[in-house]
Protein backbone atom coordinates (compact mmCIF):
# COMPACT_ATOMS: atom_id res chain seq x y z
CA UNK A 1 -12.29 5.37 11.51
CA UNK A 2 -15.88 5.73 10.50
CA UNK A 3 -18.52 7.47 12.56
CA UNK A 4 -20.53 4.30 12.94
CA UNK A 5 -20.76 0.63 11.97
CA UNK A 6 -20.76 -0.15 8.27
CA UNK A 7 -22.91 -2.91 6.76
CA UNK A 8 -21.10 -6.18 6.33
CA UNK A 9 -21.65 -6.19 2.58
CA UNK A 10 -19.45 -3.15 2.01
CA UNK A 11 -16.49 -4.61 0.17
CA UNK A 12 -12.85 -4.99 0.73
CA UNK A 13 -9.76 -3.09 1.61
CA UNK A 14 -7.56 -5.31 -0.51
CA UNK A 15 -4.08 -5.22 -1.99
CA UNK A 16 -5.27 -6.54 -5.34
CA UNK A 17 -3.50 -4.08 -7.62
CA UNK A 18 0.03 -4.78 -6.45
CA UNK A 19 -0.77 -8.48 -6.21
CA UNK A 20 -1.72 -8.56 -9.87
CA UNK A 21 1.30 -6.45 -10.80
CA UNK A 22 3.52 -9.10 -9.22
CA UNK A 23 1.71 -11.77 -11.22
CA UNK A 24 2.19 -9.71 -14.40
CA UNK A 25 5.89 -9.41 -13.62
CA UNK A 26 6.42 -13.09 -12.87
CA UNK A 27 4.38 -14.40 -15.76
CA UNK A 28 6.01 -11.89 -18.09
CA UNK A 29 9.55 -12.70 -16.99
CA UNK A 30 9.36 -16.47 -16.87
CA UNK A 31 6.87 -17.14 -19.61
CA UNK A 32 7.32 -14.23 -22.03
CA UNK A 33 3.75 -12.94 -22.06
CA UNK A 34 2.34 -13.43 -25.56
CA UNK A 35 0.90 -10.55 -27.57
CA UNK A 36 -2.56 -12.12 -27.54
CA UNK A 37 -2.57 -12.13 -23.72
CA UNK A 38 -1.41 -8.51 -23.55
CA UNK A 39 -4.17 -7.62 -26.01
CA UNK A 40 -6.77 -9.09 -23.64
CA UNK A 41 -5.91 -6.55 -20.92
CA UNK A 42 -8.28 -3.61 -20.48
CA UNK A 43 -6.69 -0.21 -21.16
CA UNK A 44 -7.85 3.21 -19.97
CA UNK A 45 -6.81 6.68 -21.15
CA UNK A 46 -5.97 8.08 -17.71
CA UNK A 47 -2.36 9.30 -18.03
CA UNK A 48 -1.77 12.62 -19.80
CA UNK A 49 0.75 12.48 -22.60
CA UNK A 50 2.37 15.73 -21.45
CA UNK A 51 4.03 15.00 -18.11
CA UNK A 52 5.69 17.49 -15.81
CA UNK A 53 9.39 17.33 -15.06
CA UNK A 54 10.56 13.79 -14.30
CA UNK A 55 13.33 12.62 -11.95
CA UNK A 56 16.77 12.88 -13.57
CA UNK A 57 17.42 9.18 -12.86
CA UNK A 58 14.53 8.10 -15.12
CA UNK A 59 12.64 6.38 -12.29
CA UNK A 60 9.03 5.34 -12.91
CA UNK A 61 6.16 6.01 -10.48
CA UNK A 62 3.20 3.63 -10.59
CA UNK A 63 -0.13 4.03 -8.79
CA UNK A 64 -1.57 0.65 -7.75
CA UNK A 65 -5.27 0.71 -6.85
CA UNK A 66 -7.49 -1.93 -5.25
CA UNK A 67 -11.17 -1.32 -6.09
CA UNK A 68 -14.31 -2.38 -4.27
CA UNK A 69 -16.37 -2.20 -7.46
CA UNK A 70 -18.88 -4.91 -8.37
CA UNK A 71 -18.13 -4.31 -12.06
CA UNK A 72 -15.45 -6.23 -13.96
CA UNK A 73 -12.61 -4.60 -15.91
CA UNK A 74 -14.68 -4.59 -19.10
CA UNK A 75 -17.57 -2.68 -17.48
CA UNK A 76 -19.86 -5.68 -16.99
CA UNK A 77 -21.78 -6.19 -13.71
CA UNK A 78 -20.69 -9.19 -11.64
CA UNK A 79 -23.19 -12.04 -11.58
CA UNK A 80 -25.20 -13.02 -8.50
CA UNK A 81 -23.04 -16.11 -8.22
CA UNK A 82 -19.84 -14.06 -8.28
CA UNK A 83 -21.19 -11.60 -5.69
CA UNK A 84 -22.19 -14.47 -3.42
CA UNK A 85 -18.72 -16.00 -3.69
CA UNK A 86 -17.16 -12.64 -2.80
CA UNK A 87 -19.56 -12.08 0.11
CA UNK A 88 -20.00 -8.64 -1.45
CA UNK A 89 -23.76 -8.26 -1.43
CA UNK A 90 -25.76 -6.21 -3.90
CA UNK A 91 -24.47 -3.05 -5.57
CA UNK A 92 -25.05 0.05 -3.45
CA UNK A 93 -23.80 2.67 -5.89
CA UNK A 94 -20.52 3.20 -4.03
CA UNK A 95 -17.16 2.72 -5.76
CA UNK A 96 -14.25 3.30 -3.40
CA UNK A 97 -10.52 2.82 -3.82
CA UNK A 98 -9.71 0.88 -0.69
CA UNK A 99 -6.04 0.17 -1.41
CA UNK A 100 -3.66 2.86 -2.65
CA UNK A 101 0.06 2.20 -3.11
CA UNK A 102 2.56 4.39 -4.93
CA UNK A 103 5.48 2.35 -6.31
CA UNK A 104 8.75 3.86 -7.52
CA UNK A 105 10.78 1.62 -9.84
CA UNK A 106 14.34 3.05 -10.09
CA UNK A 107 16.18 3.02 -13.40
CA UNK A 108 19.54 2.10 -11.88
CA UNK A 109 18.69 -1.30 -10.37
CA UNK A 110 18.42 0.00 -6.80
CA UNK A 111 15.55 -1.24 -4.57
CA UNK A 112 12.02 -0.17 -5.38
CA UNK A 113 9.83 1.63 -2.82
CA UNK A 114 6.14 1.10 -2.12
CA UNK A 115 4.26 3.81 -0.21
CA UNK A 116 0.87 2.90 1.27
CA UNK A 117 -1.78 5.61 1.71
CA UNK A 118 -4.54 4.75 4.23
CA UNK A 119 -7.99 4.83 2.63
CA UNK A 120 -9.44 7.13 5.32
CA UNK A 121 -6.74 9.81 4.92
CA UNK A 122 -8.44 13.24 5.03
CA UNK A 123 -7.01 15.19 2.09
CA UNK A 124 -7.85 17.82 -0.50
CA UNK A 125 -9.54 16.31 -3.56
CA UNK A 126 -9.08 18.84 -6.41
CA UNK A 127 -12.46 20.27 -7.37
CA UNK A 128 -14.33 18.61 -4.50
CA UNK A 129 -12.75 19.94 -1.29
CA UNK A 130 -11.47 17.95 1.69
CA UNK A 131 -12.69 14.37 2.04
CA UNK A 132 -11.42 10.85 2.65
CA UNK A 133 -9.04 9.95 -0.14
CA UNK A 134 -10.87 6.74 -1.00
CA UNK A 135 -13.83 8.81 -2.24
CA UNK A 136 -11.89 10.75 -4.90
CA UNK A 137 -12.58 8.19 -7.62
CA UNK A 138 -16.29 7.91 -6.81
CA UNK A 139 -16.85 11.68 -6.62
CA UNK A 140 -15.41 12.27 -10.09
CA UNK A 141 -17.13 9.20 -11.51
CA UNK A 142 -20.53 10.36 -10.25
CA UNK A 143 -19.85 13.92 -11.40
CA UNK A 144 -19.16 12.73 -14.96
CA UNK A 145 -22.19 10.44 -15.09
CA UNK A 146 -24.93 12.98 -15.88
CA UNK A 147 -22.96 14.79 -18.58
CA UNK A 148 -22.06 11.59 -20.41
CA UNK A 149 -25.61 10.31 -20.19
CA UNK A 150 -26.91 13.53 -21.74
CA UNK A 151 -24.57 12.88 -24.66
CA UNK A 152 -26.21 9.51 -25.21
CA UNK A 153 -23.52 7.34 -23.64
CA UNK A 154 -25.03 4.29 -21.95
CA UNK A 155 -24.44 0.75 -20.71
CA UNK A 156 -20.92 -0.61 -20.73
CA UNK A 157 -19.48 2.49 -22.42
CA UNK A 158 -20.97 4.73 -19.72
CA UNK A 159 -19.40 2.58 -17.03
CA UNK A 160 -15.97 2.61 -18.66
CA UNK A 161 -15.94 6.36 -19.36
CA UNK A 162 -17.07 7.34 -15.85
CA UNK A 163 -14.45 4.97 -14.45
CA UNK A 164 -11.86 6.80 -16.53
CA UNK A 165 -12.98 10.13 -15.02
CA UNK A 166 -12.66 8.63 -11.55
CA UNK A 167 -9.17 7.30 -12.21
CA UNK A 168 -7.96 10.66 -13.55
CA UNK A 169 -9.23 12.43 -10.42
CA UNK A 170 -7.55 9.89 -8.16
CA UNK A 171 -4.24 10.31 -9.99
CA UNK A 172 -4.53 14.09 -9.63
CA UNK A 173 -5.30 13.75 -5.90
CA UNK A 174 -2.32 11.45 -5.24
CA UNK A 175 0.01 13.71 -7.24
CA UNK A 176 -1.17 16.78 -5.31
CA UNK A 177 -0.69 15.04 -1.97
CA UNK A 178 2.71 13.45 -2.62
CA UNK A 179 4.34 15.67 -5.23
CA UNK A 180 5.00 12.58 -7.37
CA UNK A 181 4.23 12.40 -11.09
CA UNK A 182 2.24 9.24 -11.85
CA UNK A 183 3.62 7.49 -14.96
CA UNK A 184 1.45 4.38 -14.90
CA UNK A 185 -1.80 3.20 -13.36
CA UNK A 186 -3.05 -0.29 -12.44
CA UNK A 187 -6.52 -1.00 -11.08
CA UNK A 188 -7.88 -4.37 -9.94
CA UNK A 189 -11.27 -5.26 -8.48
CA UNK A 190 -12.58 -7.71 -5.88
CA UNK A 191 -13.08 -10.48 -8.40
CA UNK A 192 -9.45 -10.25 -9.44
CA UNK A 193 -8.25 -10.77 -5.89
CA UNK A 194 -10.62 -13.70 -5.43
CA UNK A 195 -9.65 -15.41 -8.69
CA UNK A 196 -5.90 -14.82 -8.41
CA UNK A 197 -5.63 -16.22 -4.88
CA UNK A 198 -7.70 -19.24 -5.90
CA UNK A 199 -5.57 -19.76 -9.01
CA UNK A 200 -2.37 -20.15 -6.99
CA UNK A 201 -3.99 -22.37 -4.35
CA UNK A 202 -3.94 -19.80 -1.55
CA UNK A 203 -1.09 -18.51 0.60
CA UNK A 204 0.16 -19.19 4.11
CA UNK A 205 -0.30 -16.56 6.85
CA UNK A 206 -0.06 -16.53 10.64
CA UNK A 207 -2.16 -14.65 13.22
CA UNK A 208 -1.16 -13.81 16.79
CA UNK A 209 -4.71 -14.34 18.04
CA UNK A 210 -7.96 -15.83 16.79
CA UNK A 211 -10.24 -13.21 15.18
CA UNK A 212 -13.94 -13.02 14.36
CA UNK A 213 -15.33 -9.89 12.71
CA UNK A 214 -18.88 -9.56 11.38
CA UNK A 215 -18.06 -6.50 9.24
CA UNK A 216 -15.46 -8.18 7.02
CA UNK A 217 -16.46 -11.80 7.54
CA UNK A 218 -13.02 -12.60 8.99
CA UNK A 219 -13.14 -15.73 11.15
CA UNK A 220 -9.71 -17.26 11.69
CA UNK A 221 -7.97 -19.26 14.43
CA UNK A 222 -4.61 -18.21 15.82
CA UNK A 223 -1.50 -19.59 14.15
CA UNK A 224 -0.43 -20.63 10.67
CA UNK A 225 -3.09 -21.29 8.01
CA UNK A 226 -3.53 -21.27 4.24
CA UNK A 227 -6.20 -18.95 2.85
CA UNK A 228 -7.61 -18.21 -0.61
CA UNK A 229 -10.70 -16.76 -2.25
CA UNK A 230 -13.34 -15.35 0.12
CA UNK A 231 -11.35 -16.06 3.34
CA UNK A 232 -8.31 -14.29 1.85
CA UNK A 233 -10.54 -11.35 0.97
CA UNK A 234 -11.80 -11.23 4.56
CA UNK A 235 -8.22 -11.43 5.87
CA UNK A 236 -7.15 -8.27 4.03
CA UNK A 237 -10.48 -6.51 4.60
CA UNK A 238 -10.60 -6.58 8.36
CA UNK A 239 -9.89 -3.45 10.39
CA UNK A 240 -12.61 -3.61 13.08
CA UNK A 241 -11.30 -5.39 16.15
CA UNK A 242 -7.63 -4.86 15.27
CA UNK A 243 -5.47 -2.91 17.77
CA UNK A 244 -4.39 -0.32 15.19
CA UNK A 245 -7.36 -0.39 12.83
CA UNK A 246 -6.52 0.69 9.28
CA UNK A 247 -2.76 0.59 9.94
CA UNK A 248 -2.95 -3.07 11.02
CA UNK A 249 -4.97 -3.77 7.90
CA UNK A 250 -2.16 -2.31 5.78
CA UNK A 251 0.31 -4.65 7.52
CA UNK A 252 -1.98 -7.57 6.67
CA UNK A 253 -2.15 -6.50 3.04
CA UNK A 254 1.62 -6.20 2.78
CA UNK A 255 2.14 -9.52 4.59
CA UNK A 256 -0.27 -11.22 2.22
CA UNK A 257 1.69 -9.79 -0.72
CA UNK A 258 4.92 -11.24 0.63
CA UNK A 259 3.37 -14.68 1.01
CA UNK A 260 1.77 -14.44 -2.42
CA UNK A 261 5.10 -13.54 -4.07
CA UNK A 262 6.80 -16.56 -2.51
CA UNK A 263 3.98 -18.80 -3.70
CA UNK A 264 4.09 -17.46 -7.26
CA UNK A 265 7.84 -18.08 -7.42
CA UNK A 266 7.58 -21.68 -6.20
CA UNK A 267 8.45 -24.39 -8.70
CA UNK A 268 4.91 -25.79 -8.61
CA UNK A 269 3.54 -22.53 -10.01
CA UNK A 270 6.14 -21.65 -12.65
CA UNK A 271 7.29 -25.12 -13.73
CA UNK A 272 6.83 -26.00 -17.43
CA UNK A 273 3.34 -27.33 -18.05
CA UNK A 274 1.95 -25.78 -14.87
CA UNK A 275 -1.85 -25.64 -14.88
CA UNK A 276 -1.71 -22.50 -12.73
CA UNK A 277 -0.41 -20.07 -15.36
CA UNK A 278 -3.47 -20.15 -17.65
CA UNK A 279 -5.68 -19.55 -14.60
CA UNK A 280 -3.54 -16.57 -13.61
CA UNK A 281 -3.70 -15.11 -17.09
CA UNK A 282 -7.48 -15.49 -17.20
CA UNK A 283 -7.88 -13.86 -13.78
CA UNK A 284 -5.69 -10.92 -14.75
CA UNK A 285 -7.37 -10.38 -18.12
CA UNK A 286 -10.86 -10.03 -16.64
CA UNK A 287 -10.02 -7.92 -13.60
CA UNK A 288 -7.04 -5.66 -14.34
CA UNK A 289 -7.19 -2.16 -15.87
CA UNK A 290 -3.92 -0.55 -17.03
CA UNK A 291 -3.20 2.87 -18.47
CA UNK A 292 -3.10 3.13 -22.24
CA UNK A 293 0.68 3.22 -22.72
CA UNK A 294 1.92 0.68 -20.18
CA UNK A 295 4.33 -1.83 -21.75
CA UNK A 296 3.75 -4.93 -19.62
CA UNK A 297 6.88 -6.74 -20.81
CA UNK A 298 9.08 -3.73 -20.05
CA UNK A 299 7.53 -3.51 -16.59
CA UNK A 300 8.25 -7.19 -15.97
CA UNK A 301 11.88 -6.70 -16.92
CA UNK A 302 12.15 -3.61 -14.69
CA UNK A 303 10.74 -5.47 -11.70
CA UNK A 304 13.14 -8.36 -12.06
CA UNK A 305 16.00 -5.93 -12.75
CA UNK A 306 15.51 -4.17 -9.43
CA UNK A 307 18.26 -5.05 -6.94
CA UNK A 308 17.41 -8.46 -5.52
CA UNK A 309 13.89 -8.02 -6.91
CA UNK A 310 12.95 -6.26 -3.67
CA UNK A 311 10.38 -3.67 -2.70
CA UNK A 312 10.57 -1.77 0.59
CA UNK A 313 7.12 -0.85 1.91
CA UNK A 314 6.42 2.31 3.89
CA UNK A 315 3.24 4.07 5.06
CA UNK A 316 2.77 7.84 4.97
CA UNK A 317 2.95 9.65 8.34
CA UNK A 318 -0.45 10.16 9.94
CA UNK A 319 -1.92 12.09 12.86
CA UNK A 320 -4.93 11.22 14.99
CA UNK A 321 -7.00 8.31 13.61
CA UNK A 322 -10.35 9.74 14.77
CA UNK A 323 -10.34 13.23 13.24
CA UNK A 324 -13.92 14.65 13.22
CA UNK A 325 -14.98 15.90 9.78
CA UNK A 326 -18.05 17.86 8.57
CA UNK A 327 -19.29 15.26 6.06
CA UNK A 328 -17.14 12.12 6.28
CA UNK A 329 -17.48 10.94 9.87
CA UNK A 330 -14.14 10.21 11.52
CA UNK A 331 -11.05 10.20 9.33
CA UNK A 332 -7.27 9.89 9.60
CA UNK A 333 -5.53 13.23 10.07
CA UNK A 334 -2.94 14.11 7.43
CA UNK A 335 -0.43 16.96 7.31
CA UNK A 336 0.13 17.55 3.55
CA UNK A 337 3.52 19.20 4.05
CA UNK A 338 4.77 16.28 6.12
CA UNK A 339 3.45 13.74 3.64
CA UNK A 340 5.09 15.50 0.71
CA UNK A 341 8.41 15.77 2.57
CA UNK A 342 8.16 12.11 3.59
CA UNK A 343 7.43 10.92 0.06
CA UNK A 344 10.09 13.09 -1.54
CA UNK A 345 12.66 11.82 0.98
CA UNK A 346 11.82 8.21 0.09
CA UNK A 347 11.71 8.79 -3.65
CA UNK A 348 14.74 11.11 -3.74
CA UNK A 349 16.86 10.18 -0.70
CA UNK A 350 19.85 12.22 -1.90
CA UNK A 351 17.86 15.42 -2.40
CA UNK A 352 18.32 18.30 0.11
CA UNK A 353 15.87 18.21 3.02
CA UNK A 354 16.15 21.87 3.94
CA UNK A 355 13.88 23.21 1.20
CA UNK A 356 10.17 23.31 1.92
CA UNK A 357 7.82 21.82 -0.71
CA UNK A 358 6.63 24.26 -3.34
CA UNK A 359 3.52 26.14 -2.26
CA UNK A 360 3.83 25.07 1.37
CA UNK A 361 4.91 26.85 4.50
CA UNK A 362 7.73 25.24 6.40
CA UNK A 363 7.24 24.62 10.08
CA UNK A 364 9.76 25.96 12.61
CA UNK A 365 12.83 23.74 12.74
CA UNK A 366 12.38 22.42 9.20
CA UNK A 367 15.85 23.56 8.15
CA UNK A 368 19.28 22.04 7.89
CA UNK A 369 18.69 20.49 11.34
CA UNK A 370 16.45 17.95 9.55
CA UNK A 371 19.55 16.31 8.02
CA UNK A 372 21.36 16.08 11.40
CA UNK A 373 21.10 12.80 13.28
CA UNK A 374 18.88 13.37 16.33
CA UNK A 375 18.97 12.25 19.93
CA UNK A 376 16.83 9.11 20.18
CA UNK A 377 14.80 8.00 23.18
CA UNK A 378 13.84 4.32 23.16
CA UNK A 379 10.87 2.98 25.12
CA UNK A 380 10.08 -0.72 25.38
CA UNK A 381 6.45 -1.69 24.84
CA UNK A 382 7.25 -5.12 23.40
CA UNK A 383 7.19 -7.04 26.67
CA UNK A 384 10.73 -8.35 26.04
CA UNK A 385 13.17 -7.50 28.83
CA UNK A 386 16.17 -5.37 27.86
CA UNK A 387 15.04 -4.63 24.31
CA UNK A 388 15.15 -0.83 24.71
CA UNK A 389 18.80 -0.92 25.73
CA UNK A 390 19.67 -3.26 22.85
CA UNK A 391 17.99 -1.03 20.28
CA UNK A 392 19.56 2.11 21.74
CA UNK A 393 22.96 0.46 21.36
CA UNK A 394 22.27 -0.38 17.71
CA UNK A 395 21.18 3.19 16.97
CA UNK A 396 24.19 4.65 18.75
CA UNK A 397 26.38 2.45 16.57
CA UNK A 398 24.73 4.06 13.55
CA UNK A 399 25.67 7.56 14.64
CA UNK A 400 22.60 8.65 16.61
CA UNK A 401 22.92 10.24 20.05
CA UNK A 402 21.56 8.03 22.81
CA UNK A 403 18.69 9.55 24.78
CA UNK A 404 16.56 8.09 27.54
CA UNK A 405 15.58 4.42 27.68
CA UNK A 406 12.73 2.92 29.63
CA UNK A 407 9.47 0.99 29.49
CA UNK A 408 6.12 1.87 27.92
CA UNK A 409 2.70 0.27 27.98
CA UNK A 410 2.61 -2.93 25.94
CA UNK A 411 1.65 -2.29 22.33
CA UNK A 412 1.37 -4.30 19.12
CA UNK A 413 3.09 -1.93 16.70
CA UNK A 414 6.40 -0.08 16.83
CA UNK A 415 6.16 3.67 16.22
CA UNK A 416 8.74 6.43 15.62
CA UNK A 417 7.76 9.92 16.80
CA UNK A 418 9.44 13.16 15.72
CA UNK A 419 9.34 16.81 16.80
CA UNK A 420 7.25 19.41 14.96
CA UNK A 421 8.82 20.26 11.60
CA UNK A 422 11.38 17.44 11.76
CA UNK A 423 9.71 14.58 9.94
CA UNK A 424 12.93 13.84 8.04
CA UNK A 425 14.70 13.02 11.31
CA UNK A 426 11.92 10.63 12.28
CA UNK A 427 12.16 8.89 8.93
CA UNK A 428 15.94 8.71 9.31
CA UNK A 429 15.52 6.74 12.54
CA UNK A 430 12.80 4.51 11.05
CA UNK A 431 15.09 3.69 8.13
CA UNK A 432 17.90 2.83 10.54
CA UNK A 433 15.61 0.40 12.38
CA UNK A 434 14.96 -1.36 9.11
CA UNK A 435 11.27 -2.20 9.52
CA UNK A 436 8.09 -0.71 8.07
CA UNK A 437 7.20 1.35 11.14
CA UNK A 438 4.75 4.23 11.45
CA UNK A 439 6.35 7.68 11.66
CA UNK A 440 4.26 10.23 13.57
CA UNK A 441 4.56 13.81 14.80
CA UNK A 442 4.73 14.40 18.56
CA UNK A 443 4.33 18.11 19.36
CA UNK A 444 5.60 17.48 22.90
CA UNK A 445 9.08 16.52 21.68
CA UNK A 446 11.83 19.12 21.66
CA UNK A 447 13.81 20.05 18.57
CA UNK A 448 16.40 17.44 17.58
CA UNK A 449 14.75 14.59 19.48
CA UNK A 450 13.02 11.43 18.30
CA UNK A 451 11.25 8.81 20.41
CA UNK A 452 10.99 5.15 19.40
CA UNK A 453 8.31 3.08 21.14
CA UNK A 454 8.97 -0.60 20.51
CA UNK A 455 6.00 -2.89 19.93
CA UNK A 456 5.60 -6.64 19.77
CA UNK A 457 6.21 -6.50 16.01
CA UNK A 458 9.81 -5.33 16.42
CA UNK A 459 12.40 -7.82 15.21
CA UNK A 460 15.92 -7.34 16.52
CA UNK A 461 17.34 -8.32 13.12
CA UNK A 462 15.60 -5.32 11.57
CA UNK A 463 18.17 -2.91 12.93
CA UNK A 464 20.94 -4.94 11.33
CA UNK A 465 19.55 -6.07 7.99
CA UNK A 466 16.58 -3.91 7.05
CA UNK A 467 15.02 -6.94 5.35
CA UNK A 468 12.33 -5.97 2.86
CA UNK A 469 8.80 -7.26 3.07
CA UNK A 470 8.40 -8.32 -0.53
CA UNK A 471 11.06 -10.21 -2.49
CA UNK A 472 10.69 -10.75 -6.24
CA UNK A 473 13.92 -12.71 -6.54
CA UNK A 474 14.52 -15.88 -8.54
CA UNK A 475 12.65 -19.10 -7.67
CA UNK A 476 15.72 -20.70 -6.10
CA UNK A 477 16.05 -17.76 -3.71
CA UNK A 478 12.40 -17.96 -2.73
CA UNK A 479 12.94 -21.55 -1.59
CA UNK A 480 15.69 -20.40 0.75
CA UNK A 481 13.29 -18.23 2.77
CA UNK A 482 12.23 -19.32 6.29
CA UNK A 483 9.56 -22.03 6.22
CA UNK A 484 6.96 -20.30 8.36
CA UNK A 485 5.38 -16.85 8.06
CA UNK A 486 5.76 -14.23 10.79
CA UNK A 487 2.65 -13.86 12.94
CA UNK A 488 0.76 -10.55 12.87
CA UNK A 489 -2.46 -9.06 14.27
């Protein structure tokens, strides 16, 4: 959270990068992206040719970034008309990366994994100290500005080269935090989100309650509705007034992605002669930045080749959401060792969990006990009678030891809490539940114990199916999905 209100014109926290990647994949697979279209994409030299050791399975790690910049992919300022349509206001000199998702695409056809990193995560930014992670790009961009200007670089070239410096710093920051090697980079701005959602005619979402937020411009009734353009931007921007702030916003972003994927795969969008495809290509070309060596067609084939075309979304473990900081107001607390262990467990599920990350000090209890199934307490905060007992039974059937069951205060979101040094056990339980639930440390828990607090978002089918949030399957499969979207905050 921030230390105080932010002006309404500060732009969005949007899942534009992954959204555009899905469009690239679908257009590429079904319509065989032509060379002239690929040539229209903006490229940036942000990935070093000499990479460190890669996973033995040949998996590819992609950093997807949603930008709040008021500059297009070619380095040109957005027009007054475009800014007005985006409800973005005038440029204020700030360029923040408000959506960060690390995607691993396996080489063996197994499901892909998407890891969301909250924008306010308080982390070490190499060369700049500890700050919110969404400022890494801007700090390096601003740092490079003076030196490039002294060399005579100006205008569009100055914008593009400082952006490149920002992207390189962001990649370095994410790699340091997660231990992952970034192979490819995709960056999309506000205009891209606006144009892409308009091009497909909007998507259907559902809200539990009516919302009105002056910061983001969100103003929606409860229930099912179709949104595009500026309203869609407001939908994925909002965090003020939501029960879980930035974490609820991430759920909105991921939910929007799911709805968008279904819409893109509908026959109306991909049918021969569709008027939508040229609009999608135009939107992507003017708003997407890719690293210099990314083969778009190969990526499209990889995405479709993934088992069932599915991506499982997770969010890194976080601590207190109101951590006081010297220079950044309130931020989200992050334990780097826990984040690295969490990410490595997701990206390399068969790797040993007993070894501490390189350069880190393992907490007590972070040994072979981490791979042992814990005792699980289940508390019911969903408001549904008997749910704790039902979930405890499911977990017991999966080999966990049943702990205490009972009720908790009503809450919107399900959370899994683990003992100090035993993040892997918490993630093990979260995986067994099947949903994209927050995994948090609880220092009050004893060794070998995990507590699940069920929220209103818990679906009983999760513990049985582990259904993914985003499905990139064939068009016929998309039509088989339930007619209505699940309601969220």
